[in-house]
N, C-alpha and C. Protein backbone atom coordinates (compact mmCIF):
# COMPACT_ATOMS: atom_id res chain seq x y z
N UNK A 1 0.86 -1.18 0.00
CA UNK A 1 0.00 0.00 0.00
C UNK A 1 0.90 1.23 0.00
N UNK A 2 0.67 2.12 -0.91
CA UNK A 2 1.47 3.33 -1.00
C UNK A 2 1.12 4.29 0.13
N UNK A 3 2.13 4.94 0.64
CA UNK A 3 1.94 5.92 1.70
C UNK A 3 2.25 7.28 1.12
N UNK A 4 1.25 8.11 0.97
CA UNK A 4 1.46 9.42 0.38
C UNK A 4 1.95 9.33 -1.05
N UNK A 5 1.54 8.26 -1.76
CA UNK A 5 1.96 8.09 -3.14
C UNK A 5 3.34 7.49 -3.29
N UNK A 6 3.95 7.02 -2.18
CA UNK A 6 5.29 6.46 -2.24
C UNK A 6 5.28 5.00 -1.81
N UNK A 7 6.25 4.25 -2.26
CA UNK A 7 6.40 2.85 -1.89
C UNK A 7 6.84 2.78 -0.43
N UNK A 8 6.20 1.94 0.41
CA UNK A 8 6.56 1.89 1.83
C UNK A 8 8.03 1.55 2.09
N UNK A 9 8.66 0.81 1.18
CA UNK A 9 10.07 0.45 1.40
C UNK A 9 10.99 1.66 1.27
N UNK A 10 10.56 2.67 0.51
CA UNK A 10 11.40 3.85 0.28
C UNK A 10 11.03 5.03 1.17
N UNK A 11 10.06 4.85 2.05
CA UNK A 11 9.60 5.94 2.91
C UNK A 11 10.50 6.03 4.14
N UNK A 12 10.95 7.23 4.47
CA UNK A 12 11.65 7.44 5.73
C UNK A 12 10.57 7.71 6.78
N UNK A 13 10.24 6.68 7.53
CA UNK A 13 9.10 6.73 8.45
C UNK A 13 9.29 7.74 9.56
N UNK A 14 10.52 8.11 9.87
CA UNK A 14 10.75 9.02 10.98
C UNK A 14 10.61 10.48 10.58
N UNK A 15 10.64 10.76 9.30
CA UNK A 15 10.31 12.11 8.84
C UNK A 15 8.80 12.30 8.84
N UNK A 16 8.09 11.22 8.57
CA UNK A 16 6.62 11.28 8.55
C UNK A 16 6.07 11.36 9.96
N UNK A 17 6.71 10.72 10.92
CA UNK A 17 6.29 10.62 12.32
C UNK A 17 5.59 9.28 12.53
N UNK A 18 5.45 8.94 13.77
CA UNK A 18 4.85 7.65 14.13
C UNK A 18 3.38 7.62 13.72
N UNK A 19 2.94 6.52 13.10
CA UNK A 19 1.51 6.39 12.77
C UNK A 19 0.66 6.43 14.04
N UNK A 20 -0.52 7.00 13.97
CA UNK A 20 -1.37 7.12 15.15
C UNK A 20 -2.75 6.55 14.86
N UNK A 21 -3.40 6.08 15.90
CA UNK A 21 -4.75 5.55 15.77
C UNK A 21 -5.74 6.70 15.69
N UNK A 22 -6.92 6.43 15.13
CA UNK A 22 -7.92 7.49 14.97
C UNK A 22 -9.11 7.28 15.90
N UNK A 23 -8.86 6.72 17.08
CA UNK A 23 -9.95 6.41 18.00
C UNK A 23 -10.71 7.65 18.44
N UNK A 24 -10.01 8.75 18.72
CA UNK A 24 -10.69 9.96 19.17
C UNK A 24 -11.62 10.52 18.10
N UNK A 25 -11.16 10.49 16.85
CA UNK A 25 -12.00 10.99 15.77
C UNK A 25 -13.23 10.11 15.61
N UNK A 26 -13.06 8.80 15.74
CA UNK A 26 -14.20 7.90 15.61
C UNK A 26 -15.22 8.14 16.71
N UNK A 27 -14.75 8.38 17.92
CA UNK A 27 -15.66 8.65 19.03
C UNK A 27 -16.45 9.93 18.76
N UNK A 28 -15.78 10.93 18.26
CA UNK A 28 -16.44 12.20 17.96
C UNK A 28 -17.47 12.03 16.84
N UNK A 29 -17.13 11.26 15.82
CA UNK A 29 -18.07 11.02 14.72
C UNK A 29 -19.28 10.25 15.22
N UNK A 30 -19.06 9.23 16.04
CA UNK A 30 -20.18 8.45 16.56
C UNK A 30 -21.11 9.31 17.41
N UNK A 31 -20.53 10.16 18.25
CA UNK A 31 -21.34 11.04 19.09
C UNK A 31 -22.15 12.01 18.23
N UNK A 32 -21.50 12.62 17.25
CA UNK A 32 -22.19 13.57 16.38
C UNK A 32 -23.31 12.89 15.58
N UNK A 33 -23.02 11.71 15.07
CA UNK A 33 -24.04 10.99 14.29
C UNK A 33 -25.19 10.54 15.19
N UNK A 34 -24.88 10.15 16.41
CA UNK A 34 -25.94 9.78 17.34
C UNK A 34 -26.84 10.95 17.64
N UNK A 35 -26.24 12.12 17.85
CA UNK A 35 -27.02 13.33 18.10
C UNK A 35 -27.88 13.68 16.88
N UNK A 36 -27.28 13.58 15.71
CA UNK A 36 -28.01 13.86 14.47
C UNK A 36 -29.18 12.89 14.28
N UNK A 37 -28.96 11.62 14.60
CA UNK A 37 -30.02 10.62 14.46
C UNK A 37 -31.15 10.87 15.46
N UNK A 38 -30.79 11.27 16.69
CA UNK A 38 -31.82 11.57 17.70
C UNK A 38 -32.66 12.78 17.26
N UNK A 39 -31.99 13.82 16.77
CA UNK A 39 -32.73 15.00 16.28
C UNK A 39 -33.63 14.63 15.10
N UNK A 40 -33.10 13.82 14.19
CA UNK A 40 -33.90 13.38 13.05
C UNK A 40 -35.07 12.52 13.49
N UNK A 41 -34.85 11.66 14.47
CA UNK A 41 -35.94 10.83 14.99
C UNK A 41 -37.02 11.67 15.65
N UNK A 42 -36.60 12.70 16.38
CA UNK A 42 -37.57 13.60 17.01
C UNK A 42 -38.41 14.31 15.94
N UNK A 43 -37.73 14.82 14.90
CA UNK A 43 -38.47 15.49 13.82
C UNK A 43 -39.39 14.52 13.08
N UNK A 44 -38.93 13.30 12.91
CA UNK A 44 -39.76 12.29 12.25
C UNK A 44 -41.01 12.02 13.07
N UNK A 45 -40.83 11.85 14.38
CA UNK A 45 -41.97 11.62 15.27
C UNK A 45 -42.92 12.82 15.28
N UNK A 46 -42.34 14.03 15.38
CA UNK A 46 -43.17 15.24 15.41
C UNK A 46 -43.93 15.40 14.09
N UNK A 47 -43.29 15.06 12.98
CA UNK A 47 -43.96 15.16 11.69
C UNK A 47 -45.10 14.18 11.56
N UNK A 48 -44.93 12.99 12.12
CA UNK A 48 -46.01 12.00 12.08
C UNK A 48 -47.17 12.45 12.95
N UNK A 49 -46.86 12.98 14.15
CA UNK A 49 -47.91 13.45 15.06
C UNK A 49 -48.66 14.63 14.45
N UNK A 50 -47.92 15.58 13.85
CA UNK A 50 -48.56 16.77 13.27
C UNK A 50 -49.11 16.50 11.87
N UNK A 51 -48.78 15.35 11.30
CA UNK A 51 -49.18 14.99 9.95
C UNK A 51 -48.68 16.03 8.95
N UNK A 52 -47.37 16.36 9.08
CA UNK A 52 -46.73 17.35 8.21
C UNK A 52 -45.66 16.64 7.38
N UNK A 53 -45.85 16.63 6.08
CA UNK A 53 -44.97 15.90 5.17
C UNK A 53 -43.55 16.47 5.16
N UNK A 54 -43.41 17.78 5.22
CA UNK A 54 -42.08 18.42 5.16
C UNK A 54 -41.26 18.06 6.39
N UNK A 55 -41.86 18.09 7.56
CA UNK A 55 -41.13 17.76 8.79
C UNK A 55 -40.73 16.28 8.78
N UNK A 56 -41.62 15.42 8.28
CA UNK A 56 -41.29 13.99 8.16
C UNK A 56 -40.10 13.81 7.23
N UNK A 57 -40.10 14.52 6.11
CA UNK A 57 -39.02 14.41 5.13
C UNK A 57 -37.69 14.88 5.73
N UNK A 58 -37.70 16.00 6.44
CA UNK A 58 -36.48 16.52 7.05
C UNK A 58 -35.95 15.53 8.10
N UNK A 59 -36.84 15.00 8.92
CA UNK A 59 -36.43 14.02 9.93
C UNK A 59 -35.86 12.77 9.30
N UNK A 60 -36.49 12.29 8.25
CA UNK A 60 -36.01 11.10 7.56
C UNK A 60 -34.64 11.34 6.93
N UNK A 61 -34.45 12.51 6.34
CA UNK A 61 -33.15 12.86 5.75
C UNK A 61 -32.05 12.92 6.81
N UNK A 62 -32.36 13.49 7.97
CA UNK A 62 -31.36 13.56 9.04
C UNK A 62 -30.97 12.17 9.53
N UNK A 63 -31.95 11.31 9.72
CA UNK A 63 -31.66 9.95 10.19
C UNK A 63 -30.84 9.19 9.15
N UNK A 64 -31.22 9.30 7.88
CA UNK A 64 -30.48 8.60 6.83
C UNK A 64 -29.07 9.16 6.65
N UNK A 65 -28.91 10.47 6.82
CA UNK A 65 -27.58 11.07 6.72
C UNK A 65 -26.68 10.56 7.84
N UNK A 66 -27.21 10.49 9.05
CA UNK A 66 -26.42 9.99 10.18
C UNK A 66 -26.03 8.54 9.95
N UNK A 67 -26.95 7.75 9.45
CA UNK A 67 -26.66 6.35 9.17
C UNK A 67 -25.60 6.21 8.08
N UNK A 68 -25.70 7.01 7.03
CA UNK A 68 -24.72 6.96 5.94
C UNK A 68 -23.33 7.35 6.42
N UNK A 69 -23.25 8.38 7.26
CA UNK A 69 -21.96 8.82 7.79
C UNK A 69 -21.35 7.73 8.67
N UNK A 70 -22.16 7.11 9.51
CA UNK A 70 -21.65 6.04 10.37
C UNK A 70 -21.14 4.86 9.56
N UNK A 71 -21.89 4.46 8.55
CA UNK A 71 -21.44 3.34 7.71
C UNK A 71 -20.13 3.69 7.01
N UNK A 72 -20.03 4.90 6.48
CA UNK A 72 -18.80 5.32 5.81
C UNK A 72 -17.62 5.32 6.77
N UNK A 73 -17.81 5.81 7.99
CA UNK A 73 -16.71 5.84 8.95
C UNK A 73 -16.32 4.45 9.42
N UNK A 74 -17.27 3.54 9.51
CA UNK A 74 -16.92 2.16 9.88
C UNK A 74 -16.08 1.52 8.78
N UNK A 75 -16.40 1.82 7.52
CA UNK A 75 -15.58 1.30 6.42
C UNK A 75 -14.18 1.91 6.45
N UNK A 76 -14.10 3.22 6.72
CA UNK A 76 -12.80 3.89 6.83
C UNK A 76 -12.00 3.30 7.98
N UNK A 77 -12.67 3.07 9.11
CA UNK A 77 -11.99 2.50 10.27
C UNK A 77 -11.41 1.13 9.95
N UNK A 78 -12.16 0.33 9.23
CA UNK A 78 -11.70 -1.01 8.87
C UNK A 78 -10.44 -0.94 8.02
N UNK A 79 -10.45 -0.11 6.97
CA UNK A 79 -9.28 0.04 6.11
C UNK A 79 -8.12 0.67 6.87
N UNK A 80 -8.40 1.68 7.68
CA UNK A 80 -7.35 2.38 8.41
C UNK A 80 -6.68 1.46 9.42
N UNK A 81 -7.47 0.61 10.09
CA UNK A 81 -6.90 -0.29 11.09
C UNK A 81 -5.94 -1.27 10.43
N UNK A 82 -6.30 -1.76 9.27
CA UNK A 82 -5.42 -2.69 8.56
C UNK A 82 -4.13 -1.98 8.16
N UNK A 83 -4.24 -0.79 7.59
CA UNK A 83 -3.05 -0.05 7.16
C UNK A 83 -2.25 0.46 8.36
N UNK A 84 -2.93 0.83 9.45
CA UNK A 84 -2.25 1.33 10.64
C UNK A 84 -1.32 0.27 11.20
N UNK A 85 -1.80 -0.96 11.31
CA UNK A 85 -0.96 -2.03 11.85
C UNK A 85 0.25 -2.26 10.97
N UNK A 86 0.04 -2.26 9.66
CA UNK A 86 1.15 -2.47 8.74
C UNK A 86 2.14 -1.30 8.80
N UNK A 87 1.64 -0.08 8.83
CA UNK A 87 2.52 1.09 8.89
C UNK A 87 3.29 1.16 10.20
N UNK A 88 2.62 0.81 11.31
CA UNK A 88 3.30 0.83 12.60
C UNK A 88 4.41 -0.22 12.65
N UNK A 89 4.13 -1.39 12.09
CA UNK A 89 5.14 -2.45 12.04
C UNK A 89 6.35 -1.98 11.23
N UNK A 90 6.09 -1.34 10.09
CA UNK A 90 7.17 -0.82 9.25
C UNK A 90 7.94 0.29 9.98
N UNK A 91 7.23 1.14 10.71
CA UNK A 91 7.87 2.22 11.45
C UNK A 91 8.80 1.66 12.51
N UNK A 92 8.34 0.64 13.25
CA UNK A 92 9.17 0.03 14.29
C UNK A 92 10.38 -0.66 13.68
N UNK A 93 10.20 -1.30 12.54
CA UNK A 93 11.30 -2.00 11.89
C UNK A 93 12.38 -1.01 11.46
N UNK A 94 11.99 0.10 10.85
CA UNK A 94 12.98 1.08 10.41
C UNK A 94 13.57 1.85 11.58
N UNK A 95 12.83 1.95 12.69
CA UNK A 95 13.36 2.62 13.88
C UNK A 95 14.54 1.85 14.43
N UNK A 96 14.45 0.53 14.44
CA UNK A 96 15.56 -0.30 14.92
C UNK A 96 16.76 -0.20 13.99
N UNK A 97 16.51 -0.11 12.69
CA UNK A 97 17.60 -0.05 11.72
C UNK A 97 18.27 1.32 11.68
N UNK A 98 17.57 2.38 12.02
CA UNK A 98 18.09 3.75 11.88
C UNK A 98 18.40 4.42 13.21
N UNK A 99 18.74 3.66 14.24
CA UNK A 99 18.95 4.28 15.55
C UNK A 99 20.18 5.18 15.58
N UNK A 100 21.23 4.89 14.81
CA UNK A 100 22.43 5.72 14.83
C UNK A 100 22.38 6.87 13.86
N UNK A 101 21.32 6.99 13.12
CA UNK A 101 21.20 8.01 12.08
C UNK A 101 20.40 9.21 12.58
N UNK A 102 20.73 10.42 12.13
CA UNK A 102 19.99 11.62 12.54
C UNK A 102 18.72 11.74 11.79
């Protein structure tokens, strides 16, 4: 897998810095999407009670948008986790080889 358009064997991993996990970003996305889904659910319920088509549509769009964002982030997390482990392994390997180098 290319890193920044470069072959991993030719990358100086210590100029790039240590790979990091994206757990904090995922937590923030999940919280935001949960809030968006709750707001959309409330609007959906209110639209059904008031029998207002526009409010139902807005609520449905908010719920579907939150669901789409969550699915997309879960797919990103899956790919990132696979690449993160490989990149971290490569970083540790080159760290051992380049200890005497500036």
